[in-house]
Structure formats: C-alpha cells, structure tokens
C-alpha cells in the first residue's frame, strides 16, 4: 500500500536565529502528521490545522496532488502536480482557507 505522508508546519526553520533568513525546511516539531493512501481513485486528507502555513509531502510511489478547500474537497487527477516516487516537497498553504490535499496514483 503506497502512502502520501503529510507534515504540517506553522514556521520555517531559521538559518541564524533572528536573522530573518529561512531554510526550505519546517521548524520542528511539526503541528500535525497525516498519512493517506495513494490509490487509483482520489483520496483526500483531513483539513489542515488553522495554524498551518506550509506542508511537507512525501510519497511512496508516483502520484499527483491537488490542494483545495476541505469544505468542497478537491479531486486529484493525473493532470495535477506530479510527484516522483520517494519525492519530498514543501508547499505553502494559506491557513485562512481551510485547505486539504487530494492524491491519486499516477503511473
């Protein structure tokens, strides 16, 4: 069973404390961890935490992802943003929009 792992973050890691510089990495500990199955049909995560500003996605297999409001859940298709197997990516999200992410297999 392939899985999309999601870690939600409120803040980015600072390169030097107080310098204003940021790394493309989340400040640990993250807020929430989720794991959703990657399958032939679109699966949707839970709604992101109200403090989440960006997410780290890691997938076990090739997939496509689509972000959208949890109130009207997105349906991922193979035409959406593609992630390679074992790829890790960070995405910024707007916490005021009540977002989630959908995933689908893209072989």
PDB file of N, CA and C in Angstrom:
ATOM      1  N   UNK A   1       0.848  -1.184   0.000  1.00  0.00           N
ATOM      2  CA  UNK A   1       0.000   0.000   0.000  1.00  0.00           C
ATOM      3  C   UNK A   1       0.891   1.244   0.000  1.00  0.00           C
ATOM      4  N   UNK A   2       0.739   2.064  -1.007  1.00  0.00           N
ATOM      5  CA  UNK A   2       1.501   3.309  -1.107  1.00  0.00           C
ATOM      6  C   UNK A   2       0.826   4.389  -0.272  1.00  0.00           C
ATOM      7  N   UNK A   3       1.649   5.286   0.271  1.00  0.00           N
ATOM      8  CA  UNK A   3       1.148   6.299   1.197  1.00  0.00           C
ATOM      9  C   UNK A   3       1.722   7.665   0.858  1.00  0.00           C
ATOM     10  N   UNK A   4       0.897   8.704   1.029  1.00  0.00           N
ATOM     11  CA  UNK A   4       1.357  10.093   0.996  1.00  0.00           C
ATOM     12  C   UNK A   4       1.444  10.543   2.446  1.00  0.00           C
ATOM     13  N   UNK A   5       2.641  10.909   2.866  1.00  0.00           N
ATOM     14  CA  UNK A   5       2.872  11.385   4.231  1.00  0.00           C
ATOM     15  C   UNK A   5       2.840  12.903   4.225  1.00  0.00           C
ATOM     16  N   UNK A   6       2.105  13.478   5.158  1.00  0.00           N
ATOM     17  CA  UNK A   6       1.924  14.928   5.239  1.00  0.00           C
ATOM     18  C   UNK A   6       2.351  15.389   6.627  1.00  0.00           C
ATOM     19  N   UNK A   7       3.236  16.365   6.685  1.00  0.00           N
ATOM     20  CA  UNK A   7       3.566  17.002   7.957  1.00  0.00           C
ATOM     21  C   UNK A   7       3.252  18.480   7.806  1.00  0.00           C
ATOM     22  N   UNK A   8       2.487  19.010   8.736  1.00  0.00           N
ATOM     23  CA  UNK A   8       2.074  20.415   8.703  1.00  0.00           C
ATOM     24  C   UNK A   8       2.981  21.241   9.606  1.00  0.00           C
ATOM     25  N   UNK A   9       3.307  22.450   9.135  1.00  0.00           N
ATOM     26  CA  UNK A   9       4.189  23.354   9.881  1.00  0.00           C
ATOM     27  C   UNK A   9       3.575  24.743   9.982  1.00  0.00           C
ATOM     28  N   UNK A  10       3.870  25.389  11.094  1.00  0.00           N
ATOM     29  CA  UNK A  10       3.482  26.787  11.245  1.00  0.00           C
ATOM     30  C   UNK A  10       4.612  27.702  10.804  1.00  0.00           C
ATOM     31  N   UNK A  11       5.865  27.308  11.090  1.00  0.00           N
ATOM     32  CA  UNK A  11       7.022  28.172  10.820  1.00  0.00           C
ATOM     33  C   UNK A  11       8.092  27.456  10.007  1.00  0.00           C
ATOM     34  N   UNK A  12       8.876  28.246   9.267  1.00  0.00           N
ATOM     35  CA  UNK A  12      10.053  27.730   8.582  1.00  0.00           C
ATOM     36  C   UNK A  12      11.229  27.787   9.546  1.00  0.00           C
ATOM     37  N   UNK A  13      12.211  26.923   9.326  1.00  0.00           N
ATOM     38  CA  UNK A  13      13.407  26.922  10.161  1.00  0.00           C
ATOM     39  C   UNK A  13      14.258  28.149   9.831  1.00  0.00           C
ATOM     40  N   UNK A  14      14.789  28.807  10.844  1.00  0.00           N
ATOM     41  CA  UNK A  14      15.651  29.969  10.648  1.00  0.00           C
ATOM     42  C   UNK A  14      17.095  29.509  10.490  1.00  0.00           C
ATOM     43  N   UNK A  15      17.818  30.098   9.528  1.00  0.00           N
ATOM     44  CA  UNK A  15      19.231  29.758   9.304  1.00  0.00           C
ATOM     45  C   UNK A  15      20.069  30.243  10.466  1.00  0.00           C
ATOM     46  N   UNK A  16      19.902  31.490  10.837  1.00  0.00           N
ATOM     47  CA  UNK A  16      20.569  32.058  12.005  1.00  0.00           C
ATOM     48  C   UNK A  16      19.476  32.705  12.850  1.00  0.00           C
ATOM     49  N   UNK A  17      19.417  32.334  14.104  1.00  0.00           N
ATOM     50  CA  UNK A  17      18.359  32.833  14.980  1.00  0.00           C
ATOM     51  C   UNK A  17      18.238  34.346  14.880  1.00  0.00           C
ATOM     52  N   UNK A  18      17.068  34.824  14.507  1.00  0.00           N
ATOM     53  CA  UNK A  18      16.801  36.250  14.461  1.00  0.00           C
ATOM     54  C   UNK A  18      17.300  36.961  13.213  1.00  0.00           C
ATOM     55  N   UNK A  19      17.902  36.248  12.263  1.00  0.00           N
ATOM     56  CA  UNK A  19      18.459  36.911  11.071  1.00  0.00           C
ATOM     57  C   UNK A  19      17.403  37.193  10.008  1.00  0.00           C
ATOM     58  N   UNK A  20      16.274  36.510  10.074  1.00  0.00           N
ATOM     59  CA  UNK A  20      15.251  36.654   9.059  1.00  0.00           C
ATOM     60  C   UNK A  20      15.450  35.695   7.895  1.00  0.00           C
ATOM     61  N   UNK A  21      16.619  35.055   7.816  1.00  0.00           N
ATOM     62  CA  UNK A  21      16.864  34.067   6.763  1.00  0.00           C
ATOM     63  C   UNK A  21      16.111  32.793   7.095  1.00  0.00           C
ATOM     64  N   UNK A  22      15.594  32.132   6.054  1.00  0.00           N
ATOM     65  CA  UNK A  22      14.867  30.890   6.275  1.00  0.00           C
ATOM     66  C   UNK A  22      15.397  29.790   5.378  1.00  0.00           C
ATOM     67  N   UNK A  23      15.258  28.569   5.851  1.00  0.00           N
ATOM     68  CA  UNK A  23      15.625  27.386   5.086  1.00  0.00           C
ATOM     69  C   UNK A  23      14.369  26.770   4.493  1.00  0.00           C
ATOM     70  N   UNK A  24      14.506  26.000   3.405  1.00  0.00           N
ATOM     71  CA  UNK A  24      13.330  25.291   2.890  1.00  0.00           C
ATOM     72  C   UNK A  24      13.054  24.049   3.729  1.00  0.00           C
ATOM     73  N   UNK A  25      12.801  24.264   4.997  1.00  0.00           N
ATOM     74  CA  UNK A  25      12.537  23.179   5.943  1.00  0.00           C
ATOM     75  C   UNK A  25      11.622  23.709   7.036  1.00  0.00           C
ATOM     76  N   UNK A  26      10.829  22.818   7.575  1.00  0.00           N
ATOM     77  CA  UNK A  26       9.916  23.198   8.634  1.00  0.00           C
ATOM     78  C   UNK A  26      10.613  23.245   9.980  1.00  0.00           C
ATOM     79  N   UNK A  27      10.125  24.112  10.839  1.00  0.00           N
ATOM     80  CA  UNK A  27      10.626  24.197  12.202  1.00  0.00           C
ATOM     81  C   UNK A  27       9.951  23.090  13.005  1.00  0.00           C
ATOM     82  N   UNK A  28      10.749  22.160  13.472  1.00  0.00           N
ATOM     83  CA  UNK A  28      10.228  21.030  14.246  1.00  0.00           C
ATOM     84  C   UNK A  28       9.992  21.439  15.697  1.00  0.00           C
ATOM     85  N   UNK A  29       9.071  20.830  16.367  1.00  0.00           N
ATOM     86  CA  UNK A  29       8.204  19.778  15.855  1.00  0.00           C
ATOM     87  C   UNK A  29       7.101  20.360  14.980  1.00  0.00           C
ATOM     88  N   UNK A  30       6.640  19.546  14.042  1.00  0.00           N
ATOM     89  CA  UNK A  30       5.519  19.945  13.201  1.00  0.00           C
ATOM     90  C   UNK A  30       4.245  20.004  14.022  1.00  0.00           C
ATOM     91  N   UNK A  31       3.201  20.530  13.424  1.00  0.00           N
ATOM     92  CA  UNK A  31       1.913  20.666  14.117  1.00  0.00           C
ATOM     93  C   UNK A  31       1.137  19.348  14.091  1.00  0.00           C
ATOM     94  N   UNK A  32       1.032  18.762  12.900  1.00  0.00           N
ATOM     95  CA  UNK A  32       0.207  17.564  12.699  1.00  0.00           C
ATOM     96  C   UNK A  32       0.873  16.676  11.661  1.00  0.00           C
ATOM     97  N   UNK A  33       0.756  15.368  11.823  1.00  0.00           N
ATOM     98  CA  UNK A  33       1.163  14.396  10.813  1.00  0.00           C
ATOM     99  C   UNK A  33      -0.073  13.667  10.322  1.00  0.00           C
ATOM    100  N   UNK A  34      -0.125  13.450   9.006  1.00  0.00           N
ATOM    101  CA  UNK A  34      -1.196  12.675   8.404  1.00  0.00           C
ATOM    102  C   UNK A  34      -0.572  11.676   7.432  1.00  0.00           C
ATOM    103  N   UNK A  35      -1.274  10.617   7.149  1.00  0.00           N
ATOM    104  CA  UNK A  35      -0.870   9.655   6.131  1.00  0.00           C
ATOM    105  C   UNK A  35      -2.128   9.204   5.411  1.00  0.00           C
ATOM    106  N   UNK A  36      -2.144   9.351   4.077  1.00  0.00           N
ATOM    107  CA  UNK A  36      -3.305   8.923   3.301  1.00  0.00           C
ATOM    108  C   UNK A  36      -2.856   7.961   2.199  1.00  0.00           C
ATOM    109  N   UNK A  37      -3.712   7.036   1.897  1.00  0.00           N
ATOM    110  CA  UNK A  37      -3.423   6.013   0.895  1.00  0.00           C
ATOM    111  C   UNK A  37      -3.420   6.621  -0.506  1.00  0.00           C
ATOM    112  N   UNK A  38      -2.424   6.218  -1.288  1.00  0.00           N
ATOM    113  CA  UNK A  38      -2.364   6.591  -2.696  1.00  0.00           C
ATOM    114  C   UNK A  38      -2.981   5.438  -3.483  1.00  0.00           C
ATOM    115  N   UNK A  39      -4.055   5.717  -4.211  1.00  0.00           N
ATOM    116  CA  UNK A  39      -4.728   4.656  -4.957  1.00  0.00           C
ATOM    117  C   UNK A  39      -5.171   5.111  -6.328  1.00  0.00           C
ATOM    118  N   UNK A  40      -5.895   4.248  -6.995  1.00  0.00           N
ATOM    119  CA  UNK A  40      -6.375   4.531  -8.349  1.00  0.00           C
ATOM    120  C   UNK A  40      -7.435   5.630  -8.365  1.00  0.00           C
ATOM    121  N   UNK A  41      -8.102   5.847  -7.221  1.00  0.00           N
ATOM    122  CA  UNK A  41      -9.073   6.931  -7.081  1.00  0.00           C
ATOM    123  C   UNK A  41      -8.509   8.014  -6.188  1.00  0.00           C
ATOM    124  N   UNK A  42      -9.068   9.199  -6.273  1.00  0.00           N
ATOM    125  CA  UNK A  42      -8.605  10.332  -5.469  1.00  0.00           C
ATOM    126  C   UNK A  42      -8.968  10.138  -3.999  1.00  0.00           C
ATOM    127  N   UNK A  43      -7.989  10.333  -3.110  1.00  0.00           N
ATOM    128  CA  UNK A  43      -8.209  10.304  -1.664  1.00  0.00           C
ATOM    129  C   UNK A  43      -7.843  11.663  -1.092  1.00  0.00           C
ATOM    130  N   UNK A  44      -8.567  12.093  -0.063  1.00  0.00           N
ATOM    131  CA  UNK A  44      -8.411  13.438   0.496  1.00  0.00           C
ATOM    132  C   UNK A  44      -7.926  13.368   1.941  1.00  0.00           C
ATOM    133  N   UNK A  45      -7.026  14.285   2.288  1.00  0.00           N
ATOM    134  CA  UNK A  45      -6.544  14.386   3.661  1.00  0.00           C
ATOM    135  C   UNK A  45      -7.608  15.029   4.541  1.00  0.00           C
ATOM    136  N   UNK A  46      -7.325  15.065   5.827  1.00  0.00           N
ATOM    137  CA  UNK A  46      -8.147  15.851   6.743  1.00  0.00           C
ATOM    138  C   UNK A  46      -7.834  17.331   6.499  1.00  0.00           C
ATOM    139  N   UNK A  47      -8.689  18.195   6.972  1.00  0.00           N
ATOM    140  CA  UNK A  47      -8.437  19.636   6.857  1.00  0.00           C
ATOM    141  C   UNK A  47      -7.173  19.984   7.629  1.00  0.00           C
ATOM    142  N   UNK A  48      -6.345  20.861   7.045  1.00  0.00           N
ATOM    143  CA  UNK A  48      -5.124  21.291   7.717  1.00  0.00           C
ATOM    144  C   UNK A  48      -5.462  22.113   8.960  1.00  0.00           C
ATOM    145  N   UNK A  49      -4.566  22.075   9.924  1.00  0.00           N
ATOM    146  CA  UNK A  49      -4.693  22.844  11.159  1.00  0.00           C
ATOM    147  C   UNK A  49      -4.793  24.336  10.822  1.00  0.00           C
ATOM    148  N   UNK A  50      -5.519  25.085  11.616  1.00  0.00           N
ATOM    149  CA  UNK A  50      -5.710  26.518  11.385  1.00  0.00           C
ATOM    150  C   UNK A  50      -4.411  27.316  11.473  1.00  0.00           C
ATOM    151  N   UNK A  51      -3.344  26.730  12.041  1.00  0.00           N
ATOM    152  CA  UNK A  51      -2.048  27.415  12.143  1.00  0.00           C
ATOM    153  C   UNK A  51      -1.056  26.974  11.069  1.00  0.00           C
ATOM    154  N   UNK A  52      -1.455  26.053  10.201  1.00  0.00           N
ATOM    155  CA  UNK A  52      -0.540  25.519   9.195  1.00  0.00           C
ATOM    156  C   UNK A  52      -0.309  26.529   8.072  1.00  0.00           C
ATOM    157  N   UNK A  53       0.983  26.865   7.847  1.00  0.00           N
ATOM    158  CA  UNK A  53       1.380  27.777   6.781  1.00  0.00           C
ATOM    159  C   UNK A  53       2.059  27.052   5.621  1.00  0.00           C
ATOM    160  N   UNK A  54       2.624  25.899   5.877  1.00  0.00           N
ATOM    161  CA  UNK A  54       3.158  25.080   4.800  1.00  0.00           C
ATOM    162  C   UNK A  54       3.230  23.628   5.221  1.00  0.00           C
ATOM    163  N   UNK A  55       3.292  22.766   4.187  1.00  0.00           N
ATOM    164  CA  UNK A  55       3.270  21.327   4.422  1.00  0.00           C
ATOM    165  C   UNK A  55       4.442  20.658   3.718  1.00  0.00           C
ATOM    166  N   UNK A  56       4.862  19.553   4.290  1.00  0.00           N
ATOM    167  CA  UNK A  56       5.875  18.687   3.680  1.00  0.00           C
ATOM    168  C   UNK A  56       5.136  17.443   3.204  1.00  0.00           C
ATOM    169  N   UNK A  57       5.261  17.127   1.909  1.00  0.00           N
ATOM    170  CA  UNK A  57       4.655  15.925   1.352  1.00  0.00           C
ATOM    171  C   UNK A  57       5.757  14.955   0.952  1.00  0.00           C
ATOM    172  N   UNK A  58       5.575  13.692   1.301  1.00  0.00           N
ATOM    173  CA  UNK A  58       6.495  12.640   0.871  1.00  0.00           C
ATOM    174  C   UNK A  58       5.645  11.461   0.417  1.00  0.00           C
ATOM    175  N   UNK A  59       5.971  10.921  -0.772  1.00  0.00           N
ATOM    176  CA  UNK A  59       5.159   9.832  -1.322  1.00  0.00           C
ATOM    177  C   UNK A  59       5.994   8.585  -1.560  1.00  0.00           C
ATOM    178  N   UNK A  60       5.339   7.430  -1.447  1.00  0.00           N
ATOM    179  CA  UNK A  60       5.973   6.129  -1.692  1.00  0.00           C
ATOM    180  C   UNK A  60       6.032   5.778  -3.169  1.00  0.00           C
ATOM    181  N   UNK A  61       5.102   6.317  -3.948  1.00  0.00           N
ATOM    182  CA  UNK A  61       5.054   5.990  -5.375  1.00  0.00           C
ATOM    183  C   UNK A  61       4.654   7.229  -6.158  1.00  0.00           C
ATOM    184  N   UNK A  62       4.746   7.142  -7.480  1.00  0.00           N
ATOM    185  CA  UNK A  62       4.394   8.261  -8.342  1.00  0.00           C
ATOM    186  C   UNK A  62       2.921   8.613  -8.114  1.00  0.00           C
ATOM    187  N   UNK A  63       2.666   9.901  -7.922  1.00  0.00           N
ATOM    188  CA  UNK A  63       1.303  10.345  -7.673  1.00  0.00           C
ATOM    189  C   UNK A  63       1.130  11.783  -8.146  1.00  0.00           C
ATOM    190  N   UNK A  64      -0.105  12.241  -8.136  1.00  0.00           N
ATOM    191  CA  UNK A  64      -0.429  13.635  -8.414  1.00  0.00           C
ATOM    192  C   UNK A  64      -1.217  14.166  -7.225  1.00  0.00           C
ATOM    193  N   UNK A  65      -1.007  15.463  -6.918  1.00  0.00           N
ATOM    194  CA  UNK A  65      -1.683  16.075  -5.775  1.00  0.00           C
ATOM    195  C   UNK A  65      -2.399  17.352  -6.207  1.00  0.00           C
ATOM    196  N   UNK A  66      -3.451  17.673  -5.472  1.00  0.00           N
ATOM    197  CA  UNK A  66      -4.221  18.888  -5.721  1.00  0.00           C
ATOM    198  C   UNK A  66      -4.702  19.428  -4.388  1.00  0.00           C
ATOM    199  N   UNK A  67      -4.416  20.695  -4.119  1.00  0.00           N
ATOM    200  CA  UNK A  67      -4.869  21.363  -2.903  1.00  0.00           C
ATOM    201  C   UNK A  67      -6.198  22.037  -3.170  1.00  0.00           C
ATOM    202  N   UNK A  68      -7.034  22.117  -2.149  1.00  0.00           N
ATOM    203  CA  UNK A  68      -8.317  22.795  -2.272  1.00  0.00           C
ATOM    204  C   UNK A  68      -8.985  22.898  -0.919  1.00  0.00           C
ATOM    205  N   UNK A  69     -10.119  23.580  -0.849  1.00  0.00           N
ATOM    206  CA  UNK A  69     -10.815  23.745   0.430  1.00  0.00           C
ATOM    207  C   UNK A  69     -11.446  22.434   0.896  1.00  0.00           C
ATOM    208  N   UNK A  70     -11.328  22.158   2.176  1.00  0.00           N
ATOM    209  CA  UNK A  70     -11.912  20.952   2.747  1.00  0.00           C
ATOM    210  C   UNK A  70     -13.435  20.991   2.658  1.00  0.00           C
ATOM    211  N   UNK A  71     -14.007  22.194   2.666  1.00  0.00           N
ATOM    212  CA  UNK A  71     -15.472  22.333   2.596  1.00  0.00           C
ATOM    213  C   UNK A  71     -16.031  21.857   1.255  1.00  0.00           C
ATOM    214  N   UNK A  72     -15.200  21.859   0.226  1.00  0.00           N
ATOM    215  CA  UNK A  72     -15.564  21.347  -1.099  1.00  0.00           C
ATOM    216  C   UNK A  72     -14.343  20.577  -1.601  1.00  0.00           C
ATOM    217  N   UNK A  73     -14.124  19.374  -1.079  1.00  0.00           N
ATOM    218  CA  UNK A  73     -12.862  18.660  -1.279  1.00  0.00           C
ATOM    219  C   UNK A  73     -12.435  18.539  -2.744  1.00  0.00           C
ATOM    220  N   UNK A  74     -11.148  18.771  -2.998  1.00  0.00           N
ATOM    221  CA  UNK A  74     -10.634  18.636  -4.358  1.00  0.00           C
ATOM    222  C   UNK A  74     -10.606  17.164  -4.782  1.00  0.00           C
ATOM    223  N   UNK A  75     -10.630  16.939  -6.074  1.00  0.00           N
ATOM    224  CA  UNK A  75     -10.478  15.606  -6.638  1.00  0.00           C
ATOM    225  C   UNK A  75      -9.224  15.621  -7.500  1.00  0.00           C
ATOM    226  N   UNK A  76      -8.195  14.919  -7.058  1.00  0.00           N
ATOM    227  CA  UNK A  76      -6.937  14.873  -7.803  1.00  0.00           C
ATOM    228  C   UNK A  76      -7.106  14.026  -9.051  1.00  0.00           C
ATOM    229  N   UNK A  77      -6.437  14.440 -10.133  1.00  0.00           N
ATOM    230  CA  UNK A  77      -6.375  13.668 -11.368  1.00  0.00           C
ATOM    231  C   UNK A  77      -4.898  13.548 -11.764  1.00  0.00           C
ATOM    232  N   UNK A  78      -4.633  12.727 -12.734  1.00  0.00           N
ATOM    233  CA  UNK A  78      -3.250  12.552 -13.189  1.00  0.00           C
ATOM    234  C   UNK A  78      -2.737  13.777 -13.937  1.00  0.00           C
ATOM    235  N   UNK A  79      -3.589  14.752 -14.164  1.00  0.00           N
ATOM    236  CA  UNK A  79      -3.180  16.006 -14.814  1.00  0.00           C
ATOM    237  C   UNK A  79      -2.667  17.033 -13.804  1.00  0.00           C
ATOM    238  N   UNK A  80      -2.823  16.761 -12.508  1.00  0.00           N
ATOM    239  CA  UNK A  80      -2.384  17.693 -11.465  1.00  0.00           C
ATOM    240  C   UNK A  80      -0.897  17.538 -11.173  1.00  0.00           C
ATOM    241  N   UNK A  81      -0.385  18.345 -10.264  1.00  0.00           N
ATOM    242  CA  UNK A  81       1.040  18.360  -9.926  1.00  0.00           C
ATOM    243  C   UNK A  81       1.536  16.956  -9.603  1.00  0.00           C
ATOM    244  N   UNK A  82       2.582  16.533 -10.299  1.00  0.00           N
ATOM    245  CA  UNK A  82       3.092  15.165 -10.176  1.00  0.00           C
ATOM    246  C   UNK A  82       4.282  15.116  -9.224  1.00  0.00           C
ATOM    247  N   UNK A  83       4.303  14.093  -8.397  1.00  0.00           N
ATOM    248  CA  UNK A  83       5.440  13.810  -7.523  1.00  0.00           C
ATOM    249  C   UNK A  83       6.025  12.464  -7.931  1.00  0.00           C
ATOM    250  N   UNK A  84       7.338  12.389  -8.014  1.00  0.00           N
ATOM    251  CA  UNK A  84       8.017  11.135  -8.325  1.00  0.00           C
ATOM    252  C   UNK A  84       8.000  10.226  -7.102  1.00  0.00           C
ATOM    253  N   UNK A  85       8.203   8.949  -7.306  1.00  0.00           N
ATOM    254  CA  UNK A  85       8.284   8.011  -6.182  1.00  0.00           C
ATOM    255  C   UNK A  85       9.398   8.440  -5.240  1.00  0.00           C
ATOM    256  N   UNK A  86       9.127   8.405  -3.961  1.00  0.00           N
ATOM    257  CA  UNK A  86      10.080   8.771  -2.896  1.00  0.00           C
ATOM    258  C   UNK A  86      10.520  10.228  -2.951  1.00  0.00           C
ATOM    259  N   UNK A  87       9.700  11.090  -3.502  1.00  0.00           N
ATOM    260  CA  UNK A  87       9.984  12.523  -3.562  1.00  0.00           C
ATOM    261  C   UNK A  87       9.430  13.215  -2.328  1.00  0.00           C
ATOM    262  N   UNK A  88      10.136  14.249  -1.877  1.00  0.00           N
ATOM    263  CA  UNK A  88       9.682  15.080  -0.772  1.00  0.00           C
ATOM    264  C   UNK A  88       9.627  16.523  -1.254  1.00  0.00           C
ATOM    265  N   UNK A  89       8.505  17.190  -1.022  1.00  0.00           N
ATOM    266  CA  UNK A  89       8.323  18.581  -1.442  1.00  0.00           C
ATOM    267  C   UNK A  89       7.650  19.373  -0.332  1.00  0.00           C
ATOM    268  N   UNK A  90       7.975  20.661  -0.267  1.00  0.00           N
ATOM    269  CA  UNK A  90       7.309  21.593   0.631  1.00  0.00           C
ATOM    270  C   UNK A  90       6.391  22.487  -0.189  1.00  0.00           C
ATOM    271  N   UNK A  91       5.191  22.767   0.349  1.00  0.00           N
ATOM    272  CA  UNK A  91       4.236  23.645  -0.306  1.00  0.00           C
ATOM    273  C   UNK A  91       3.702  24.636   0.715  1.00  0.00           C
ATOM    274  N   UNK A  92       3.625  25.907   0.343  1.00  0.00           N
ATOM    275  CA  UNK A  92       2.996  26.912   1.182  1.00  0.00           C
ATOM    276  C   UNK A  92       1.491  26.821   1.055  1.00  0.00           C
ATOM    277  N   UNK A  93       0.785  27.004   2.155  1.00  0.00           N
ATOM    278  CA  UNK A  93      -0.681  26.993   2.144  1.00  0.00           C
ATOM    279  C   UNK A  93      -1.196  28.161   2.974  1.00  0.00           C
ATOM    280  N   UNK A  94      -2.370  28.643   2.626  1.00  0.00           N
ATOM    281  CA  UNK A  94      -2.984  29.752   3.343  1.00  0.00           C
ATOM    282  C   UNK A  94      -3.867  29.189   4.447  1.00  0.00           C
ATOM    283  N   UNK A  95      -3.500  29.404   5.717  1.00  0.00           N
ATOM    284  CA  UNK A  95      -4.271  28.806   6.811  1.00  0.00           C
ATOM    285  C   UNK A  95      -5.706  29.310   6.916  1.00  0.00           C
ATOM    286  N   UNK A  96      -5.998  30.470   6.356  1.00  0.00           N
ATOM    287  CA  UNK A  96      -7.358  31.010   6.471  1.00  0.00           C
ATOM    288  C   UNK A  96      -8.333  30.365   5.480  1.00  0.00           C
ATOM    289  N   UNK A  97      -7.825  29.521   4.560  1.00  0.00           N
ATOM    290  CA  UNK A  97      -8.699  28.923   3.550  1.00  0.00           C
ATOM    291  C   UNK A  97      -9.232  27.544   3.916  1.00  0.00           C
ATOM    292  N   UNK A  98      -8.785  26.965   5.026  1.00  0.00           N
ATOM    293  CA  UNK A  98      -9.284  25.649   5.435  1.00  0.00           C
ATOM    294  C   UNK A  98      -8.971  24.573   4.413  1.00  0.00           C
ATOM    295  N   UNK A  99      -7.710  24.491   4.002  1.00  0.00           N
ATOM    296  CA  UNK A  99      -7.317  23.605   2.918  1.00  0.00           C
ATOM    297  C   UNK A  99      -7.073  22.164   3.336  1.00  0.00           C
ATOM    298  N   UNK A 100      -7.026  21.301   2.314  1.00  0.00           N
ATOM    299  CA  UNK A 100      -6.640  19.905   2.433  1.00  0.00           C
ATOM    300  C   UNK A 100      -5.918  19.558   1.130  1.00  0.00           C
ATOM    301  N   UNK A 101      -5.455  18.319   1.009  1.00  0.00           N
ATOM    302  CA  UNK A 101      -4.809  17.886  -0.225  1.00  0.00           C
ATOM    303  C   UNK A 101      -5.402  16.551  -0.657  1.00  0.00           C
ATOM    304  N   UNK A 102      -5.589  16.420  -1.971  1.00  0.00           N
ATOM    305  CA  UNK A 102      -6.051  15.166  -2.552  1.00  0.00           C
ATOM    306  C   UNK A 102      -4.896  14.530  -3.301  1.00  0.00           C
ATOM    307  N   UNK A 103      -4.887  13.205  -3.356  1.00  0.00           N
ATOM    308  CA  UNK A 103      -3.813  12.473  -4.036  1.00  0.00           C
ATOM    309  C   UNK A 103      -4.391  11.325  -4.853  1.00  0.00           C
ATOM    310  N   UNK A 104      -3.721  11.031  -5.986  1.00  0.00           N
ATOM    311  CA  UNK A 104      -4.105   9.921  -6.830  1.00  0.00           C
ATOM    312  C   UNK A 104      -2.846   9.305  -7.434  1.00  0.00           C
ATOM    313  N   UNK A 105      -2.897   8.022  -7.660  1.00  0.00           N
ATOM    314  CA  UNK A 105      -1.800   7.289  -8.302  1.00  0.00           C
ATOM    315  C   UNK A 105      -1.595   7.852  -9.712  1.00  0.00           C
ATOM    316  N   UNK A 106      -0.333   7.962 -10.136  1.00  0.00           N
ATOM    317  CA  UNK A 106      -0.044   8.467 -11.469  1.00  0.00           C
ATOM    318  C   UNK A 106       1.112   7.673 -12.048  1.00  0.00           C
ATOM    319  N   UNK A 107       0.811   6.484 -12.530  1.00  0.00           N
ATOM    320  CA  UNK A 107       1.852   5.580 -13.029  1.00  0.00           C
ATOM    321  C   UNK A 107       2.041   5.742 -14.512  1.00  0.00           C
TER     322      UNK A 107
END
